Structure formats: structure tokens, C-alpha cells
């Protein structure tokens, strides 16, 4: 019986590690899209809203301002989520 519990705990730890690695891959994907196609990265992170419209406007002014805003917004949103989860 003790073996089953240890195996069960190990499975939960492995599952959490797998889920965390998936979240890291999604973060990197959002950042990469924020650099390559800024409005798409912002849309996937925030949906339709003021942040998306600001990013579209900045991207129309130039690719660099749109990319900088997209990466900043995606990273900032991720930091805010981490703060709320680990309070």
C-alpha cells in the first residue's frame, strides 16, 4: 500500500512538472508571436480590448513600436498573474 502512495505522489509531481513546462512553452510562444506579429501575440494573451487596439495602432506606426509594446504587455500580464497566484 505504501508503494502505491509514493507512486501516486510521484505521478502528481511529474504531472505538475509537465503542466508547468507546457505553460512555459505557451509563454514563449506568445512572446515569439509578440515579436513577429505583435497584434496576434497581444490578442492571444488579452483577447479583444484596449491593449489590442493600442498595439494595432503602434504596429501601424511601425513594427518596432508594436513589438516592444507587445512583449512588454505580455510579460507584464504574466508577472501580474504570478503575483496574484503566489500572494
N, C-alpha and C. Protein backbone atom coordinates (compact mmCIF):
# COMPACT_ATOMS: atom_id res chain seq x y z
N UNK A 1 0.82 -1.19 0.00
CA UNK A 1 0.00 0.00 0.00
C UNK A 1 0.86 1.26 0.00
N UNK A 2 1.96 1.24 0.72
CA UNK A 2 2.83 2.40 0.78
C UNK A 2 3.44 2.70 -0.59
N UNK A 3 3.75 1.66 -1.34
CA UNK A 3 4.31 1.86 -2.69
C UNK A 3 3.32 2.62 -3.57
N UNK A 4 2.05 2.28 -3.46
CA UNK A 4 1.05 2.94 -4.27
C UNK A 4 0.99 4.43 -3.95
N UNK A 5 1.07 4.79 -2.67
CA UNK A 5 1.02 6.20 -2.30
C UNK A 5 2.23 6.95 -2.83
N UNK A 6 3.40 6.35 -2.71
CA UNK A 6 4.60 7.00 -3.22
C UNK A 6 4.51 7.16 -4.73
N UNK A 7 4.04 6.13 -5.40
CA UNK A 7 3.88 6.21 -6.85
C UNK A 7 2.86 7.28 -7.21
N UNK A 8 1.77 7.35 -6.44
CA UNK A 8 0.75 8.36 -6.70
C UNK A 8 1.29 9.76 -6.53
N UNK A 9 2.09 9.97 -5.48
CA UNK A 9 2.69 11.28 -5.25
C UNK A 9 3.67 11.62 -6.37
N UNK A 10 4.47 10.64 -6.77
CA UNK A 10 5.41 10.87 -7.86
C UNK A 10 4.66 11.22 -9.14
N UNK A 11 3.52 10.58 -9.37
CA UNK A 11 2.75 10.87 -10.57
C UNK A 11 2.24 12.31 -10.53
N UNK A 12 1.78 12.76 -9.36
CA UNK A 12 1.28 14.14 -9.25
C UNK A 12 2.41 15.13 -9.47
N UNK A 13 3.60 14.85 -8.92
CA UNK A 13 4.74 15.74 -9.11
C UNK A 13 5.12 15.78 -10.58
N UNK A 14 5.20 14.63 -11.25
CA UNK A 14 5.52 14.59 -12.67
C UNK A 14 4.47 15.30 -13.50
N UNK A 15 3.21 15.14 -13.14
CA UNK A 15 2.12 15.79 -13.87
C UNK A 15 2.24 17.31 -13.73
N UNK A 16 2.51 17.80 -12.51
CA UNK A 16 2.66 19.24 -12.30
C UNK A 16 3.86 19.78 -13.06
N UNK A 17 4.95 19.02 -13.09
CA UNK A 17 6.14 19.45 -13.85
C UNK A 17 5.79 19.52 -15.34
N UNK A 18 5.03 18.55 -15.83
CA UNK A 18 4.62 18.54 -17.23
C UNK A 18 3.73 19.74 -17.54
N UNK A 19 2.79 20.04 -16.66
CA UNK A 19 1.89 21.17 -16.88
C UNK A 19 2.67 22.49 -16.85
N UNK A 20 3.61 22.62 -15.92
CA UNK A 20 4.41 23.84 -15.85
C UNK A 20 5.26 24.02 -17.10
N UNK A 21 5.79 22.92 -17.65
CA UNK A 21 6.59 23.05 -18.87
C UNK A 21 5.70 23.47 -20.04
N UNK A 22 4.45 23.01 -20.06
CA UNK A 22 3.52 23.44 -21.10
C UNK A 22 3.21 24.92 -21.00
N UNK A 23 3.08 25.42 -19.77
CA UNK A 23 2.83 26.85 -19.58
C UNK A 23 4.01 27.68 -20.04
N UNK A 24 5.23 27.19 -19.77
CA UNK A 24 6.41 27.91 -20.21
C UNK A 24 6.49 27.97 -21.73
N UNK A 25 6.12 26.87 -22.38
CA UNK A 25 6.12 26.85 -23.84
C UNK A 25 5.10 27.84 -24.38
N UNK A 26 3.93 27.93 -23.75
CA UNK A 26 2.91 28.88 -24.19
C UNK A 26 3.37 30.32 -24.00
N UNK A 27 4.06 30.60 -22.88
CA UNK A 27 4.59 31.94 -22.65
C UNK A 27 5.58 32.31 -23.75
N UNK A 28 6.47 31.37 -24.06
CA UNK A 28 7.46 31.63 -25.11
C UNK A 28 6.79 31.83 -26.47
N UNK A 29 5.75 31.06 -26.73
CA UNK A 29 5.02 31.20 -27.99
C UNK A 29 4.36 32.57 -28.08
N UNK A 30 3.74 33.03 -27.00
CA UNK A 30 3.12 34.35 -27.00
C UNK A 30 4.15 35.45 -27.21
N UNK A 31 5.31 35.32 -26.56
CA UNK A 31 6.36 36.33 -26.72
C UNK A 31 6.91 36.30 -28.15
N UNK A 32 7.12 35.10 -28.70
CA UNK A 32 7.63 35.00 -30.08
C UNK A 32 6.63 35.62 -31.06
N UNK A 33 5.35 35.34 -30.87
CA UNK A 33 4.34 35.96 -31.75
C UNK A 33 4.26 37.46 -31.52
N UNK A 34 4.50 37.89 -30.28
CA UNK A 34 4.52 39.33 -29.99
C UNK A 34 5.65 40.03 -30.72
N UNK A 35 6.74 39.33 -30.93
CA UNK A 35 7.87 39.91 -31.67
C UNK A 35 7.61 39.86 -33.17
N UNK A 36 7.16 38.72 -33.67
CA UNK A 36 6.99 38.54 -35.12
C UNK A 36 5.75 39.24 -35.66
N UNK A 37 4.61 39.03 -35.02
CA UNK A 37 3.33 39.62 -35.44
C UNK A 37 2.67 40.18 -34.17
N UNK A 38 3.03 41.40 -33.79
CA UNK A 38 2.62 41.92 -32.48
C UNK A 38 1.13 41.83 -32.14
N UNK A 39 0.21 42.20 -33.03
CA UNK A 39 -1.19 42.11 -32.63
C UNK A 39 -1.67 40.68 -32.34
N UNK A 40 -1.10 39.70 -33.00
CA UNK A 40 -1.51 38.31 -32.75
C UNK A 40 -1.10 37.88 -31.35
N UNK A 41 0.12 38.20 -30.95
CA UNK A 41 0.57 37.85 -29.60
C UNK A 41 -0.27 38.52 -28.53
N UNK A 42 -0.62 39.78 -28.75
CA UNK A 42 -1.44 40.52 -27.79
C UNK A 42 -2.86 39.95 -27.77
N UNK A 43 -3.39 39.62 -28.93
CA UNK A 43 -4.74 39.05 -28.99
C UNK A 43 -4.81 37.72 -28.25
N UNK A 44 -3.81 36.86 -28.43
CA UNK A 44 -3.82 35.56 -27.76
C UNK A 44 -3.69 35.71 -26.24
N UNK A 45 -3.06 36.77 -25.79
CA UNK A 45 -2.88 36.98 -24.36
C UNK A 45 -4.06 37.70 -23.73
N UNK A 46 -4.57 38.75 -24.39
CA UNK A 46 -5.58 39.62 -23.78
C UNK A 46 -6.96 39.50 -24.42
N UNK A 47 -7.03 38.99 -25.63
CA UNK A 47 -8.30 39.00 -26.35
C UNK A 47 -8.55 40.38 -26.94
N UNK A 48 -9.80 40.66 -27.31
CA UNK A 48 -10.14 41.95 -27.89
C UNK A 48 -10.35 42.94 -26.74
N UNK A 49 -9.60 44.02 -26.80
CA UNK A 49 -9.70 45.03 -25.75
C UNK A 49 -8.82 46.21 -26.07
N UNK A 50 -8.68 47.08 -25.10
CA UNK A 50 -7.92 48.31 -25.32
C UNK A 50 -6.44 48.02 -25.62
N UNK A 51 -5.88 47.00 -24.97
CA UNK A 51 -4.48 46.67 -25.21
C UNK A 51 -4.26 46.26 -26.66
N UNK A 52 -5.19 45.51 -27.22
CA UNK A 52 -5.07 45.09 -28.62
C UNK A 52 -5.14 46.30 -29.55
N UNK A 53 -6.08 47.21 -29.29
CA UNK A 53 -6.23 48.37 -30.17
C UNK A 53 -5.02 49.30 -30.08
N UNK A 54 -4.46 49.45 -28.88
CA UNK A 54 -3.23 50.24 -28.73
C UNK A 54 -2.11 49.60 -29.53
N UNK A 55 -2.03 48.27 -29.44
CA UNK A 55 -0.96 47.58 -30.15
C UNK A 55 -1.13 47.67 -31.66
N UNK A 56 -2.34 47.58 -32.14
CA UNK A 56 -2.58 47.72 -33.58
C UNK A 56 -2.16 49.11 -34.05
N UNK A 57 -2.51 50.13 -33.28
CA UNK A 57 -2.10 51.50 -33.62
C UNK A 57 -0.59 51.66 -33.64
N UNK A 58 0.09 51.11 -32.63
CA UNK A 58 1.55 51.19 -32.60
C UNK A 58 2.18 50.40 -33.74
N UNK A 59 1.59 49.27 -34.09
CA UNK A 59 2.12 48.47 -35.19
C UNK A 59 1.93 49.19 -36.52
N UNK A 60 0.85 49.93 -36.66
CA UNK A 60 0.66 50.72 -37.88
C UNK A 60 1.70 51.83 -37.99
N UNK A 61 2.15 52.34 -36.84
CA UNK A 61 3.22 53.35 -36.85
C UNK A 61 4.57 52.72 -37.20
N UNK A 62 4.71 51.46 -36.90
CA UNK A 62 5.96 50.75 -37.21
C UNK A 62 6.01 49.43 -36.48
N UNK A 63 6.76 48.50 -37.06
CA UNK A 63 6.84 47.17 -36.48
C UNK A 63 7.55 47.19 -35.14
N UNK A 64 8.58 48.01 -34.99
CA UNK A 64 9.36 48.04 -33.74
C UNK A 64 8.51 48.53 -32.56
N UNK A 65 7.79 49.66 -32.67
CA UNK A 65 6.97 50.06 -31.52
C UNK A 65 5.90 49.02 -31.16
N UNK A 66 5.32 48.40 -32.16
CA UNK A 66 4.32 47.37 -31.89
C UNK A 66 4.91 46.17 -31.20
N UNK A 67 6.10 45.76 -31.62
CA UNK A 67 6.76 44.61 -31.00
C UNK A 67 7.18 44.91 -29.56
N UNK A 68 7.71 46.10 -29.34
CA UNK A 68 8.11 46.47 -27.98
C UNK A 68 6.90 46.48 -27.06
N UNK A 69 5.81 47.08 -27.51
CA UNK A 69 4.60 47.12 -26.69
C UNK A 69 4.06 45.71 -26.44
N UNK A 70 4.06 44.87 -27.47
CA UNK A 70 3.53 43.51 -27.32
C UNK A 70 4.33 42.72 -26.29
N UNK A 71 5.64 42.75 -26.40
CA UNK A 71 6.47 41.99 -25.46
C UNK A 71 6.29 42.55 -24.05
N UNK A 72 6.27 43.87 -23.92
CA UNK A 72 6.08 44.48 -22.60
C UNK A 72 4.73 44.07 -22.00
N UNK A 73 3.66 44.14 -22.79
CA UNK A 73 2.32 43.83 -22.28
C UNK A 73 2.21 42.35 -21.90
N UNK A 74 2.77 41.46 -22.71
CA UNK A 74 2.69 40.02 -22.43
C UNK A 74 3.47 39.69 -21.16
N UNK A 75 4.67 40.22 -21.03
CA UNK A 75 5.49 39.94 -19.84
C UNK A 75 4.85 40.55 -18.61
N UNK A 76 4.33 41.77 -18.72
CA UNK A 76 3.69 42.44 -17.59
C UNK A 76 2.46 41.66 -17.12
N UNK A 77 1.66 41.17 -18.04
CA UNK A 77 0.48 40.41 -17.69
C UNK A 77 0.87 39.12 -17.00
N UNK A 78 1.93 38.49 -17.46
CA UNK A 78 2.41 37.26 -16.86
C UNK A 78 2.91 37.52 -15.43
N UNK A 79 3.59 38.64 -15.21
CA UNK A 79 4.06 38.99 -13.87
C UNK A 79 2.87 39.26 -12.94
N UNK A 80 1.85 39.93 -13.44
CA UNK A 80 0.67 40.20 -12.62
C UNK A 80 -0.04 38.91 -12.23
N UNK A 81 -0.10 37.94 -13.16
CA UNK A 81 -0.69 36.64 -12.84
C UNK A 81 0.11 35.91 -11.77
N UNK A 82 1.44 35.95 -11.90
CA UNK A 82 2.29 35.29 -10.91
C UNK A 82 2.10 35.92 -9.53
N UNK A 83 1.99 37.23 -9.47
CA UNK A 83 1.80 37.91 -8.18
C UNK A 83 0.48 37.50 -7.54
N UNK A 84 -0.58 37.41 -8.36
CA UNK A 84 -1.89 37.06 -7.80
C UNK A 84 -1.95 35.60 -7.37
N UNK A 85 -1.20 34.73 -8.03
CA UNK A 85 -1.23 33.31 -7.67
C UNK A 85 -0.39 33.06 -6.43
N UNK A 86 0.76 33.71 -6.32
CA UNK A 86 1.69 33.44 -5.22
C UNK A 86 1.57 34.43 -4.08
N UNK A 87 0.43 35.09 -3.92
CA UNK A 87 0.24 36.04 -2.81
C UNK A 87 0.28 35.35 -1.49
